[in-house]
Amino acid sequence: MTTHPQKSPPKIIWWGLWFAIASGLLGIHAIIPVVETAPTTGPLKHLPMIPLLASSALRWIVLPRISEGYRALPLFIVGLALAEGGSLLGLFLVPDLRQTYLVLGIAGVAQYAPFFASRYVRV
């Protein structure tokens, strides 16, 4: 029985996923209409920060420690989903801070731009 080493996903996969999530985030924010509501108070106002901060921790603490692309790609996807999810939570739970959470979501997704993926792809 022979074992074959796991292959790293090509860079086009990383970039395609990143572009899809980034454009989806912008598209959702563009489609959902702006609704005037009363200002949100209490801890609900800061709830969308939890996935955004978890996404940043995953990007800057966990991903650099992974050396194989086939293990890093699922974490990459989870981190992107957390960044987008935090922005969408802000859109629906805290509509008065819609623009703030859009900018934070864009920053969260932007930090995952897969320039770092070349260290996983071995030619």
PDB file of N, CA and C in Angstrom:
ATOM      1  N   MET A   1       0.848  -1.176   0.000  1.00  0.00           N
ATOM      2  CA  MET A   1       0.000   0.000   0.000  1.00  0.00           C
ATOM      3  C   MET A   1       0.893   1.238   0.000  1.00  0.00           C
ATOM      4  N   THR A   2       0.614   2.139  -0.907  1.00  0.00           N
ATOM      5  CA  THR A   2       1.393   3.368  -0.992  1.00  0.00           C
ATOM      6  C   THR A   2       0.542   4.538  -0.519  1.00  0.00           C
ATOM      7  N   THR A   3       1.205   5.464   0.070  1.00  0.00           N
ATOM      8  CA  THR A   3       0.504   6.677   0.504  1.00  0.00           C
ATOM      9  C   THR A   3       0.961   7.822  -0.379  1.00  0.00           C
ATOM     10  N   HIS A   4       0.023   8.616  -0.789  1.00  0.00           N
ATOM     11  CA  HIS A   4       0.323   9.773  -1.619  1.00  0.00           C
ATOM     12  C   HIS A   4       0.243  11.028  -0.764  1.00  0.00           C
ATOM     13  N   PRO A   5       1.212  11.906  -0.889  1.00  0.00           N
ATOM     14  CA  PRO A   5       1.146  13.130  -0.098  1.00  0.00           C
ATOM     15  C   PRO A   5      -0.041  13.994  -0.536  1.00  0.00           C
ATOM     16  N   GLN A   6      -0.624  14.663   0.418  1.00  0.00           N
ATOM     17  CA  GLN A   6      -1.741  15.556   0.123  1.00  0.00           C
ATOM     18  C   GLN A   6      -1.238  16.713  -0.718  1.00  0.00           C
ATOM     19  N   LYS A   7      -1.984  17.071  -1.735  1.00  0.00           N
ATOM     20  CA  LYS A   7      -1.611  18.201  -2.565  1.00  0.00           C
ATOM     21  C   LYS A   7      -2.269  19.464  -2.031  1.00  0.00           C
ATOM     22  N   SER A   8      -1.553  20.551  -2.151  1.00  0.00           N
ATOM     23  CA  SER A   8      -2.106  21.833  -1.747  1.00  0.00           C
ATOM     24  C   SER A   8      -3.042  22.335  -2.842  1.00  0.00           C
ATOM     25  N   PRO A   9      -4.126  22.988  -2.454  1.00  0.00           N
ATOM     26  CA  PRO A   9      -5.026  23.550  -3.467  1.00  0.00           C
ATOM     27  C   PRO A   9      -4.305  24.644  -4.249  1.00  0.00           C
ATOM     28  N   PRO A  10      -4.586  24.768  -5.540  1.00  0.00           N
ATOM     29  CA  PRO A  10      -3.940  25.820  -6.330  1.00  0.00           C
ATOM     30  C   PRO A  10      -4.380  27.211  -5.875  1.00  0.00           C
ATOM     31  N   LYS A  11      -3.550  28.193  -6.214  1.00  0.00           N
ATOM     32  CA  LYS A  11      -3.837  29.562  -5.774  1.00  0.00           C
ATOM     33  C   LYS A  11      -5.150  30.082  -6.327  1.00  0.00           C
ATOM     34  N   ILE A  12      -5.573  29.616  -7.485  1.00  0.00           N
ATOM     35  CA  ILE A  12      -6.838  30.091  -8.061  1.00  0.00           C
ATOM     36  C   ILE A  12      -8.025  29.731  -7.165  1.00  0.00           C
ATOM     37  N   ILE A  13      -7.918  28.627  -6.459  1.00  0.00           N
ATOM     38  CA  ILE A  13      -8.978  28.246  -5.513  1.00  0.00           C
ATOM     39  C   ILE A  13      -9.035  29.252  -4.369  1.00  0.00           C
ATOM     40  N   TRP A  14      -7.885  29.591  -3.811  1.00  0.00           N
ATOM     41  CA  TRP A  14      -7.830  30.553  -2.713  1.00  0.00           C
ATOM     42  C   TRP A  14      -8.411  31.893  -3.152  1.00  0.00           C
ATOM     43  N   TRP A  15      -7.950  32.369  -4.324  1.00  0.00           N
ATOM     44  CA  TRP A  15      -8.408  33.674  -4.804  1.00  0.00           C
ATOM     45  C   TRP A  15      -9.882  33.646  -5.187  1.00  0.00           C
ATOM     46  N   GLY A  16     -10.341  32.564  -5.775  1.00  0.00           N
ATOM     47  CA  GLY A  16     -11.749  32.451  -6.144  1.00  0.00           C
ATOM     48  C   GLY A  16     -12.665  32.498  -4.940  1.00  0.00           C
ATOM     49  N   LEU A  17     -12.308  31.754  -3.896  1.00  0.00           N
ATOM     50  CA  LEU A  17     -13.102  31.783  -2.662  1.00  0.00           C
ATOM     51  C   LEU A  17     -13.088  33.165  -2.027  1.00  0.00           C
ATOM     52  N   TRP A  18     -11.913  33.770  -1.989  1.00  0.00           N
ATOM     53  CA  TRP A  18     -11.813  35.102  -1.389  1.00  0.00           C
ATOM     54  C   TRP A  18     -12.657  36.112  -2.156  1.00  0.00           C
ATOM     55  N   PHE A  19     -12.567  36.084  -3.489  1.00  0.00           N
ATOM     56  CA  PHE A  19     -13.334  37.024  -4.298  1.00  0.00           C
ATOM     57  C   PHE A  19     -14.832  36.786  -4.140  1.00  0.00           C
ATOM     58  N   ALA A  20     -15.262  35.543  -4.080  1.00  0.00           N
ATOM     59  CA  ALA A  20     -16.685  35.229  -3.933  1.00  0.00           C
ATOM     60  C   ALA A  20     -17.231  35.757  -2.605  1.00  0.00           C
ATOM     61  N   ILE A  21     -16.504  35.549  -1.530  1.00  0.00           N
ATOM     62  CA  ILE A  21     -16.956  36.025  -0.222  1.00  0.00           C
ATOM     63  C   ILE A  21     -16.958  37.551  -0.182  1.00  0.00           C
ATOM     64  N   ALA A  22     -15.909  38.174  -0.708  1.00  0.00           N
ATOM     65  CA  ALA A  22     -15.827  39.641  -0.683  1.00  0.00           C
ATOM     66  C   ALA A  22     -16.943  40.270  -1.511  1.00  0.00           C
ATOM     67  N   SER A  23     -17.173  39.747  -2.703  1.00  0.00           N
ATOM     68  CA  SER A  23     -18.231  40.322  -3.530  1.00  0.00           C
ATOM     69  C   SER A  23     -19.610  40.015  -2.961  1.00  0.00           C
ATOM     70  N   GLY A  24     -19.772  38.856  -2.334  1.00  0.00           N
ATOM     71  CA  GLY A  24     -21.041  38.532  -1.684  1.00  0.00           C
ATOM     72  C   GLY A  24     -21.356  39.477  -0.539  1.00  0.00           C
ATOM     73  N   LEU A  25     -20.343  39.796   0.241  1.00  0.00           N
ATOM     74  CA  LEU A  25     -20.535  40.731   1.353  1.00  0.00           C
ATOM     75  C   LEU A  25     -20.985  42.096   0.840  1.00  0.00           C
ATOM     76  N   LEU A  26     -20.294  42.593  -0.161  1.00  0.00           N
ATOM     77  CA  LEU A  26     -20.658  43.898  -0.723  1.00  0.00           C
ATOM     78  C   LEU A  26     -22.029  43.848  -1.387  1.00  0.00           C
ATOM     79  N   GLY A  27     -22.331  42.753  -2.063  1.00  0.00           N
ATOM     80  CA  GLY A  27     -23.624  42.616  -2.717  1.00  0.00           C
ATOM     81  C   GLY A  27     -24.788  42.585  -1.738  1.00  0.00           C
ATOM     82  N   ILE A  28     -24.616  41.858  -0.654  1.00  0.00           N
ATOM     83  CA  ILE A  28     -25.683  41.784   0.348  1.00  0.00           C
ATOM     84  C   ILE A  28     -25.929  43.152   0.968  1.00  0.00           C
ATOM     85  N   HIS A  29     -24.863  43.855   1.295  1.00  0.00           N
ATOM     86  CA  HIS A  29     -25.025  45.188   1.872  1.00  0.00           C
ATOM     87  C   HIS A  29     -25.651  46.155   0.876  1.00  0.00           C
ATOM     88  N   ALA A  30     -25.388  45.965  -0.414  1.00  0.00           N
ATOM     89  CA  ALA A  30     -25.962  46.852  -1.421  1.00  0.00           C
ATOM     90  C   ALA A  30     -27.443  46.554  -1.652  1.00  0.00           C
ATOM     91  N   ILE A  31     -27.848  45.300  -1.520  1.00  0.00           N
ATOM     92  CA  ILE A  31     -29.223  44.910  -1.821  1.00  0.00           C
ATOM     93  C   ILE A  31     -30.171  45.192  -0.662  1.00  0.00           C
ATOM     94  N   ILE A  32     -29.738  44.932   0.568  1.00  0.00           N
ATOM     95  CA  ILE A  32     -30.607  45.127   1.736  1.00  0.00           C
ATOM     96  C   ILE A  32     -30.857  46.619   1.909  1.00  0.00           C
ATOM     97  N   PRO A  33     -32.108  47.045   1.939  1.00  0.00           N
ATOM     98  CA  PRO A  33     -32.388  48.484   2.043  1.00  0.00           C
ATOM     99  C   PRO A  33     -32.035  49.044   3.423  1.00  0.00           C
ATOM    100  N   VAL A  34     -31.711  50.324   3.429  1.00  0.00           N
ATOM    101  CA  VAL A  34     -31.416  51.026   4.675  1.00  0.00           C
ATOM    102  C   VAL A  34     -32.741  51.321   5.368  1.00  0.00           C
ATOM    103  N   VAL A  35     -32.839  50.938   6.630  1.00  0.00           N
ATOM    104  CA  VAL A  35     -34.053  51.149   7.398  1.00  0.00           C
ATOM    105  C   VAL A  35     -33.712  52.025   8.593  1.00  0.00           C
ATOM    106  N   GLU A  36     -34.470  53.071   8.786  1.00  0.00           N
ATOM    107  CA  GLU A  36     -34.275  53.943   9.944  1.00  0.00           C
ATOM    108  C   GLU A  36     -34.866  53.269  11.175  1.00  0.00           C
ATOM    109  N   THR A  37     -34.045  53.063  12.189  1.00  0.00           N
ATOM    110  CA  THR A  37     -34.499  52.443  13.429  1.00  0.00           C
ATOM    111  C   THR A  37     -33.955  53.226  14.609  1.00  0.00           C
ATOM    112  N   ALA A  38     -34.475  52.898  15.768  1.00  0.00           N
ATOM    113  CA  ALA A  38     -33.966  53.512  16.991  1.00  0.00           C
ATOM    114  C   ALA A  38     -32.570  52.961  17.272  1.00  0.00           C
ATOM    115  N   PRO A  39     -31.711  53.755  17.878  1.00  0.00           N
ATOM    116  CA  PRO A  39     -30.358  53.265  18.191  1.00  0.00           C
ATOM    117  C   PRO A  39     -30.397  52.035  19.101  1.00  0.00           C
ATOM    118  N   THR A  40     -29.560  51.083  18.780  1.00  0.00           N
ATOM    119  CA  THR A  40     -29.448  49.863  19.570  1.00  0.00           C
ATOM    120  C   THR A  40     -28.601  50.152  20.802  1.00  0.00           C
ATOM    121  N   THR A  41     -29.029  49.626  21.946  1.00  0.00           N
ATOM    122  CA  THR A  41     -28.287  49.826  23.188  1.00  0.00           C
ATOM    123  C   THR A  41     -27.964  48.474  23.813  1.00  0.00           C
ATOM    124  N   GLY A  42     -27.113  48.507  24.785  1.00  0.00           N
ATOM    125  CA  GLY A  42     -26.781  47.293  25.525  1.00  0.00           C
ATOM    126  C   GLY A  42     -25.764  46.426  24.808  1.00  0.00           C
ATOM    127  N   PRO A  43     -25.615  45.202  25.296  1.00  0.00           N
ATOM    128  CA  PRO A  43     -24.589  44.314  24.744  1.00  0.00           C
ATOM    129  C   PRO A  43     -24.881  43.863  23.308  1.00  0.00           C
ATOM    130  N   LEU A  44     -26.119  43.941  22.875  1.00  0.00           N
ATOM    131  CA  LEU A  44     -26.470  43.558  21.521  1.00  0.00           C
ATOM    132  C   LEU A  44     -25.730  44.411  20.487  1.00  0.00           C
ATOM    133  N   LYS A  45     -25.414  45.625  20.870  1.00  0.00           N
ATOM    134  CA  LYS A  45     -24.733  46.555  19.980  1.00  0.00           C
ATOM    135  C   LYS A  45     -23.335  46.056  19.596  1.00  0.00           C
ATOM    136  N   HIS A  46     -22.698  45.319  20.489  1.00  0.00           N
ATOM    137  CA  HIS A  46     -21.328  44.864  20.263  1.00  0.00           C
ATOM    138  C   HIS A  46     -21.234  43.375  19.921  1.00  0.00           C
ATOM    139  N   LEU A  47     -22.345  42.685  19.840  1.00  0.00           N
ATOM    140  CA  LEU A  47     -22.344  41.252  19.549  1.00  0.00           C
ATOM    141  C   LEU A  47     -21.663  40.904  18.225  1.00  0.00           C
ATOM    142  N   PRO A  48     -21.846  41.674  17.150  1.00  0.00           N
ATOM    143  CA  PRO A  48     -21.160  41.323  15.891  1.00  0.00           C
ATOM    144  C   PRO A  48     -19.635  41.395  15.960  1.00  0.00           C
ATOM    145  N   MET A  49     -19.095  41.989  16.982  1.00  0.00           N
ATOM    146  CA  MET A  49     -17.641  42.053  17.109  1.00  0.00           C
ATOM    147  C   MET A  49     -17.030  40.686  17.444  1.00  0.00           C
ATOM    148  N   ILE A  50     -17.802  39.801  18.040  1.00  0.00           N
ATOM    149  CA  ILE A  50     -17.272  38.494  18.445  1.00  0.00           C
ATOM    150  C   ILE A  50     -16.774  37.701  17.236  1.00  0.00           C
ATOM    151  N   PRO A  51     -17.590  37.484  16.189  1.00  0.00           N
ATOM    152  CA  PRO A  51     -17.038  36.749  15.039  1.00  0.00           C
ATOM    153  C   PRO A  51     -15.955  37.522  14.291  1.00  0.00           C
ATOM    154  N   LEU A  52     -16.037  38.837  14.286  1.00  0.00           N
ATOM    155  CA  LEU A  52     -15.003  39.625  13.620  1.00  0.00           C
ATOM    156  C   LEU A  52     -13.655  39.469  14.330  1.00  0.00           C
ATOM    157  N   LEU A  53     -13.650  39.501  15.640  1.00  0.00           N
ATOM    158  CA  LEU A  53     -12.414  39.319  16.398  1.00  0.00           C
ATOM    159  C   LEU A  53     -11.910  37.878  16.309  1.00  0.00           C
ATOM    160  N   ALA A  54     -12.834  36.922  16.305  1.00  0.00           N
ATOM    161  CA  ALA A  54     -12.427  35.516  16.146  1.00  0.00           C
ATOM    162  C   ALA A  54     -11.785  35.301  14.779  1.00  0.00           C
ATOM    163  N   SER A  55     -12.317  35.959  13.765  1.00  0.00           N
ATOM    164  CA  SER A  55     -11.747  35.869  12.432  1.00  0.00           C
ATOM    165  C   SER A  55     -10.326  36.421  12.397  1.00  0.00           C
ATOM    166  N   SER A  56     -10.107  37.552  13.032  1.00  0.00           N
ATOM    167  CA  SER A  56      -8.763  38.136  13.067  1.00  0.00           C
ATOM    168  C   SER A  56      -7.783  37.246  13.828  1.00  0.00           C
ATOM    169  N   ALA A  57      -8.243  36.669  14.935  1.00  0.00           N
ATOM    170  CA  ALA A  57      -7.381  35.764  15.692  1.00  0.00           C
ATOM    171  C   ALA A  57      -7.015  34.539  14.863  1.00  0.00           C
ATOM    172  N   LEU A  58      -7.974  34.027  14.128  1.00  0.00           N
ATOM    173  CA  LEU A  58      -7.712  32.872  13.277  1.00  0.00           C
ATOM    174  C   LEU A  58      -6.695  33.219  12.194  1.00  0.00           C
ATOM    175  N   ARG A  59      -6.823  34.403  11.614  1.00  0.00           N
ATOM    176  CA  ARG A  59      -5.915  34.808  10.532  1.00  0.00           C
ATOM    177  C   ARG A  59      -4.498  35.045  11.016  1.00  0.00           C
ATOM    178  N   TRP A  60      -4.343  35.718  12.144  1.00  0.00           N
ATOM    179  CA  TRP A  60      -3.005  36.155  12.554  1.00  0.00           C
ATOM    180  C   TRP A  60      -2.343  35.260  13.592  1.00  0.00           C
ATOM    181  N   ILE A  61      -3.105  34.373  14.233  1.00  0.00           N
ATOM    182  CA  ILE A  61      -2.512  33.486  15.242  1.00  0.00           C
ATOM    183  C   ILE A  61      -2.486  32.034  14.770  1.00  0.00           C
ATOM    184  N   VAL A  62      -3.595  31.550  14.222  1.00  0.00           N
ATOM    185  CA  VAL A  62      -3.692  30.131  13.869  1.00  0.00           C
ATOM    186  C   VAL A  62      -3.120  29.845  12.475  1.00  0.00           C
ATOM    187  N   LEU A  63      -3.545  30.578  11.460  1.00  0.00           N
ATOM    188  CA  LEU A  63      -3.108  30.285  10.086  1.00  0.00           C
ATOM    189  C   LEU A  63      -1.593  30.319   9.878  1.00  0.00           C
ATOM    190  N   PRO A  64      -0.860  31.248  10.466  1.00  0.00           N
ATOM    191  CA  PRO A  64       0.595  31.221  10.255  1.00  0.00           C
ATOM    192  C   PRO A  64       1.282  29.968  10.807  1.00  0.00           C
ATOM    193  N   ARG A  65       0.635  29.270  11.710  1.00  0.00           N
ATOM    194  CA  ARG A  65       1.238  28.066  12.297  1.00  0.00           C
ATOM    195  C   ARG A  65       0.976  26.804  11.477  1.00  0.00           C
ATOM    196  N   ILE A  66       0.085  26.905  10.497  1.00  0.00           N
ATOM    197  CA  ILE A  66      -0.242  25.757   9.657  1.00  0.00           C
ATOM    198  C   ILE A  66       0.732  25.725   8.480  1.00  0.00           C
ATOM    199  N   SER A  67       1.310  24.560   8.218  1.00  0.00           N
ATOM    200  CA  SER A  67       2.306  24.481   7.152  1.00  0.00           C
ATOM    201  C   SER A  67       1.803  23.770   5.896  1.00  0.00           C
ATOM    202  N   GLU A  68       0.670  23.091   5.971  1.00  0.00           N
ATOM    203  CA  GLU A  68       0.138  22.378   4.807  1.00  0.00           C
ATOM    204  C   GLU A  68      -1.098  23.100   4.275  1.00  0.00           C
ATOM    205  N   GLY A  69      -1.142  23.242   2.959  1.00  0.00           N
ATOM    206  CA  GLY A  69      -2.251  23.945   2.320  1.00  0.00           C
ATOM    207  C   GLY A  69      -3.583  23.250   2.485  1.00  0.00           C
ATOM    208  N   TYR A  70      -3.592  21.924   2.450  1.00  0.00           N
ATOM    209  CA  TYR A  70      -4.847  21.193   2.584  1.00  0.00           C
ATOM    210  C   TYR A  70      -5.428  21.323   3.994  1.00  0.00           C
ATOM    211  N   ARG A  71      -4.616  21.678   4.962  1.00  0.00           N
ATOM    212  CA  ARG A  71      -5.122  21.952   6.317  1.00  0.00           C
ATOM    213  C   ARG A  71      -5.460  23.420   6.512  1.00  0.00           C
ATOM    214  N   ALA A  72      -4.776  24.296   5.793  1.00  0.00           N
ATOM    215  CA  ALA A  72      -5.000  25.731   5.949  1.00  0.00           C
ATOM    216  C   ALA A  72      -6.260  26.196   5.224  1.00  0.00           C
ATOM    217  N   LEU A  73      -6.608  25.551   4.107  1.00  0.00           N
ATOM    218  CA  LEU A  73      -7.760  26.010   3.327  1.00  0.00           C
ATOM    219  C   LEU A  73      -9.066  25.993   4.111  1.00  0.00           C
ATOM    220  N   PRO A  74      -9.397  24.934   4.860  1.00  0.00           N
ATOM    221  CA  PRO A  74     -10.641  24.987   5.649  1.00  0.00           C
ATOM    222  C   PRO A  74     -10.637  26.104   6.697  1.00  0.00           C
ATOM    223  N   LEU A  75      -9.487  26.367   7.302  1.00  0.00           N
ATOM    224  CA  LEU A  75      -9.405  27.454   8.270  1.00  0.00           C
ATOM    225  C   LEU A  75      -9.546  28.807   7.584  1.00  0.00           C
ATOM    226  N   PHE A  76      -9.019  28.907   6.389  1.00  0.00           N
ATOM    227  CA  PHE A  76      -9.175  30.098   5.566  1.00  0.00           C
ATOM    228  C   PHE A  76     -10.655  30.362   5.296  1.00  0.00           C
ATOM    229  N   ILE A  77     -11.390  29.325   4.934  1.00  0.00           N
ATOM    230  CA  ILE A  77     -12.824  29.459   4.643  1.00  0.00           C
ATOM    231  C   ILE A  77     -13.597  29.834   5.905  1.00  0.00           C
ATOM    232  N   VAL A  78     -13.277  29.203   7.017  1.00  0.00           N
ATOM    233  CA  VAL A  78     -13.955  29.523   8.276  1.00  0.00           C
ATOM    234  C   VAL A  78     -13.684  30.971   8.681  1.00  0.00           C
ATOM    235  N   GLY A  79     -12.457  31.419   8.543  1.00  0.00           N
ATOM    236  CA  GLY A  79     -12.118  32.796   8.876  1.00  0.00           C
ATOM    237  C   GLY A  79     -12.855  33.798   8.009  1.00  0.00           C
ATOM    238  N   LEU A  80     -12.933  33.523   6.715  1.00  0.00           N
ATOM    239  CA  LEU A  80     -13.697  34.391   5.820  1.00  0.00           C
ATOM    240  C   LEU A  80     -15.175  34.424   6.216  1.00  0.00           C
ATOM    241  N   ALA A  81     -15.717  33.259   6.539  1.00  0.00           N
ATOM    242  CA  ALA A  81     -17.127  33.191   6.936  1.00  0.00           C
ATOM    243  C   ALA A  81     -17.373  33.958   8.231  1.00  0.00           C
ATOM    244  N   LEU A  82     -16.447  33.885   9.162  1.00  0.00           N
ATOM    245  CA  LEU A  82     -16.603  34.645  10.407  1.00  0.00           C
ATOM    246  C   LEU A  82     -16.566  36.146  10.149  1.00  0.00           C
ATOM    247  N   ALA A  83     -15.668  36.594   9.288  1.00  0.00           N
ATOM    248  CA  ALA A  83     -15.585  38.022   8.973  1.00  0.00           C
ATOM    249  C   ALA A  83     -16.864  38.501   8.293  1.00  0.00           C
ATOM    250  N   GLU A  84     -17.342  37.724   7.327  1.00  0.00           N
ATOM    251  CA  GLU A  84     -18.580  38.095   6.644  1.00  0.00           C
ATOM    252  C   GLU A  84     -19.765  37.996   7.587  1.00  0.00           C
ATOM    253  N   GLY A  85     -19.786  36.956   8.401  1.00  0.00           N
ATOM    254  CA  GLY A  85     -20.898  36.771   9.340  1.00  0.00           C
ATOM    255  C   GLY A  85     -21.000  37.887  10.362  1.00  0.00           C
ATOM    256  N   GLY A  86     -19.866  38.363  10.851  1.00  0.00           N
ATOM    257  CA  GLY A  86     -19.890  39.484  11.789  1.00  0.00           C
ATOM    258  C   GLY A  86     -20.468  40.731  11.155  1.00  0.00           C
ATOM    259  N   SER A  87     -20.121  40.966   9.912  1.00  0.00           N
ATOM    260  CA  SER A  87     -20.661  42.128   9.206  1.00  0.00           C
ATOM    261  C   SER A  87     -22.163  41.978   8.979  1.00  0.00           C
ATOM    262  N   LEU A  88     -22.601  40.777   8.632  1.00  0.00           N
ATOM    263  CA  LEU A  88     -24.032  40.561   8.410  1.00  0.00           C
ATOM    264  C   LEU A  88     -24.822  40.620   9.708  1.00  0.00           C
ATOM    265  N   LEU A  89     -24.236  40.132  10.792  1.00  0.00           N
ATOM    266  CA  LEU A  89     -24.900  40.291  12.092  1.00  0.00           C
ATOM    267  C   LEU A  89     -25.099  41.773  12.407  1.00  0.00           C
ATOM    268  N   GLY A  90     -24.079  42.560  12.138  1.00  0.00           N
ATOM    269  CA  GLY A  90     -24.192  43.998  12.350  1.00  0.00           C
ATOM    270  C   GLY A  90     -25.262  44.620  11.478  1.00  0.00           C
ATOM    271  N   LEU A  91     -25.391  44.136  10.259  1.00  0.00           N
ATOM    272  CA  LEU A  91     -26.408  44.656   9.344  1.00  0.00           C
ATOM    273  C   LEU A  91     -27.810  44.422   9.875  1.00  0.00           C
ATOM    274  N   PHE A  92     -28.065  43.239  10.423  1.00  0.00           N
ATOM    275  CA  PHE A  92     -29.412  42.894  10.857  1.00  0.00           C
ATOM    276  C   PHE A  92     -29.691  43.214  12.326  1.00  0.00           C
ATOM    277  N   LEU A  93     -28.699  43.086  13.198  1.00  0.00           N
ATOM    278  CA  LEU A  93     -28.929  43.317  14.621  1.00  0.00           C
ATOM    279  C   LEU A  93     -28.743  44.773  15.038  1.00  0.00           C
ATOM    280  N   VAL A  94     -27.863  45.476  14.349  1.00  0.00           N
ATOM    281  CA  VAL A  94     -27.534  46.849  14.722  1.00  0.00           C
ATOM    282  C   VAL A  94     -27.615  47.730  13.469  1.00  0.00           C
ATOM    283  N   PRO A  95     -28.811  47.924  12.925  1.00  0.00           N
ATOM    284  CA  PRO A  95     -28.897  48.662  11.659  1.00  0.00           C
ATOM    285  C   PRO A  95     -28.422  50.114  11.752  1.00  0.00           C
ATOM    286  N   ASP A  96     -28.421  50.686  12.937  1.00  0.00           N
ATOM    287  CA  ASP A  96     -27.945  52.065  13.062  1.00  0.00           C
ATOM    288  C   ASP A  96     -26.419  52.156  12.912  1.00  0.00           C
ATOM    289  N   LEU A  97     -25.710  51.035  13.055  1.00  0.00           N
ATOM    290  CA  LEU A  97     -24.256  50.997  12.841  1.00  0.00           C
ATOM    291  C   LEU A  97     -23.906  50.203  11.586  1.00  0.00           C
ATOM    292  N   ARG A  98     -24.788  50.239  10.623  1.00  0.00           N
ATOM    293  CA  ARG A  98     -24.637  49.474   9.386  1.00  0.00           C
ATOM    294  C   ARG A  98     -23.301  49.754   8.694  1.00  0.00           C
ATOM    295  N   GLN A  99     -22.971  51.016   8.520  1.00  0.00           N
ATOM    296  CA  GLN A  99     -21.739  51.370   7.819  1.00  0.00           C
ATOM    297  C   GLN A  99     -20.497  50.951   8.595  1.00  0.00           C
ATOM    298  N   THR A 100     -20.557  51.062   9.908  1.00  0.00           N
ATOM    299  CA  THR A 100     -19.427  50.655  10.742  1.00  0.00           C
ATOM    300  C   THR A 100     -19.129  49.175  10.568  1.00  0.00           C
ATOM    301  N   TYR A 101     -20.176  48.354  10.629  1.00  0.00           N
ATOM    302  CA  TYR A 101     -19.958  46.915  10.494  1.00  0.00           C
ATOM    303  C   TYR A 101     -19.657  46.512   9.059  1.00  0.00           C
ATOM    304  N   LEU A 102     -20.073  47.301   8.085  1.00  0.00           N
ATOM    305  CA  LEU A 102     -19.664  47.039   6.709  1.00  0.00           C
ATOM    306  C   LEU A 102     -18.159  47.256   6.563  1.00  0.00           C
ATOM    307  N   VAL A 103     -17.675  48.363   7.084  1.00  0.00           N
ATOM    308  CA  VAL A 103     -16.236  48.654   7.001  1.00  0.00           C
ATOM    309  C   VAL A 103     -15.435  47.605   7.769  1.00  0.00           C
ATOM    310  N   LEU A 104     -15.901  47.206   8.941  1.00  0.00           N
ATOM    311  CA  LEU A 104     -15.203  46.165   9.704  1.00  0.00           C
ATOM    312  C   LEU A 104     -15.226  44.830   8.967  1.00  0.00           C
ATOM    313  N   GLY A 105     -16.332  44.519   8.313  1.00  0.00           N
ATOM    314  CA  GLY A 105     -16.415  43.287   7.534  1.00  0.00           C
ATOM    315  C   GLY A 105     -15.472  43.312   6.342  1.00  0.00           C
ATOM    316  N   ILE A 106     -15.403  44.450   5.660  1.00  0.00           N
ATOM    317  CA  ILE A 106     -14.477  44.577   4.533  1.00  0.00           C
ATOM    318  C   ILE A 106     -13.038  44.424   5.014  1.00  0.00           C
ATOM    319  N   ALA A 107     -12.720  45.053   6.144  1.00  0.00           N
ATOM    320  CA  ALA A 107     -11.366  44.913   6.697  1.00  0.00           C
ATOM    321  C   ALA A 107     -11.092  43.460   7.098  1.00  0.00           C
ATOM    322  N   GLY A 108     -12.105  42.798   7.666  1.00  0.00           N
ATOM    323  CA  GLY A 108     -11.940  41.401   8.058  1.00  0.00           C
ATOM    324  C   GLY A 108     -11.711  40.488   6.874  1.00  0.00           C
ATOM    325  N   VAL A 109     -12.441  40.712   5.789  1.00  0.00           N
ATOM    326  CA  VAL A 109     -12.258  39.898   4.589  1.00  0.00           C
ATOM    327  C   VAL A 109     -10.948  40.273   3.895  1.00  0.00           C
ATOM    328  N   ALA A 110     -10.607  41.554   3.884  1.00  0.00           N
ATOM    329  CA  ALA A 110      -9.389  42.005   3.214  1.00  0.00           C
ATOM    330  C   ALA A 110      -8.131  41.400   3.833  1.00  0.00           C
ATOM    331  N   GLN A 111      -8.144  41.152   5.133  1.00  0.00           N
ATOM    332  CA  GLN A 111      -6.953  40.575   5.759  1.00  0.00           C
ATOM    333  C   GLN A 111      -6.716  39.135   5.316  1.00  0.00           C
ATOM    334  N   TYR A 112      -7.718  38.531   4.707  1.00  0.00           N
ATOM    335  CA  TYR A 112      -7.580  37.172   4.187  1.00  0.00           C
ATOM    336  C   TYR A 112      -7.189  37.136   2.716  1.00  0.00           C
ATOM    337  N   ALA A 113      -6.896  38.280   2.106  1.00  0.00           N
ATOM    338  CA  ALA A 113      -6.441  38.263   0.712  1.00  0.00           C
ATOM    339  C   ALA A 113      -5.286  37.276   0.611  1.00  0.00           C
ATOM    340  N   PRO A 114      -5.432  36.264  -0.212  1.00  0.00           N
ATOM    341  CA  PRO A 114      -4.500  35.130  -0.138  1.00  0.00           C
ATOM    342  C   PRO A 114      -3.130  35.337  -0.771  1.00  0.00           C
ATOM    343  N   PHE A 115      -2.498  36.448  -0.463  1.00  0.00           N
ATOM    344  CA  PHE A 115      -1.108  36.618  -0.873  1.00  0.00           C
ATOM    345  C   PHE A 115      -0.221  35.616  -0.135  1.00  0.00           C
ATOM    346  N   PHE A 116      -0.645  35.218   1.043  1.00  0.00           N
ATOM    347  CA  PHE A 116       0.121  34.276   1.853  1.00  0.00           C
ATOM    348  C   PHE A 116      -0.004  32.844   1.365  1.00  0.00           C
ATOM    349  N   ALA A 117      -0.938  32.568   0.469  1.00  0.00           N
ATOM    350  CA  ALA A 117      -1.203  31.189   0.031  1.00  0.00           C
ATOM    351  C   ALA A 117      -0.052  30.605  -0.775  1.00  0.00           C
ATOM    352  N   SER A 118       0.823  31.436  -1.305  1.00  0.00           N
ATOM    353  CA  SER A 118       1.926  30.905  -2.111  1.00  0.00           C
ATOM    354  C   SER A 118       2.889  30.057  -1.284  1.00  0.00           C
ATOM    355  N   ARG A 119       2.894  30.241   0.019  1.00  0.00           N
ATOM    356  CA  ARG A 119       3.783  29.400   0.828  1.00  0.00           C
ATOM    357  C   ARG A 119       3.250  27.982   0.978  1.00  0.00           C
ATOM    358  N   TYR A 120       1.957  27.775   0.675  1.00  0.00           N
ATOM    359  CA  TYR A 120       1.375  26.434   0.738  1.00  0.00           C
ATOM    360  C   TYR A 120       1.468  25.715  -0.595  1.00  0.00           C
ATOM    361  N   VAL A 121       1.551  26.454  -1.682  1.00  0.00           N
ATOM    362  CA  VAL A 121       1.554  25.853  -3.016  1.00  0.00           C
ATOM    363  C   VAL A 121       2.978  25.544  -3.421  1.00  0.00           C
ATOM    364  N   ARG A 122       3.259  24.274  -3.581  1.00  0.00           N
ATOM    365  CA  ARG A 122       4.587  23.844  -3.993  1.00  0.00           C
ATOM    366  C   ARG A 122       4.519  23.378  -5.447  1.00  0.00           C
ATOM    367  N   VAL A 123       5.372  23.959  -6.240  1.00  0.00           N
ATOM    368  CA  VAL A 123       5.358  23.627  -7.671  1.00  0.00           C
ATOM    369  C   VAL A 123       6.436  22.615  -7.982  1.00  0.00           C
TER     370      VAL A 123
END
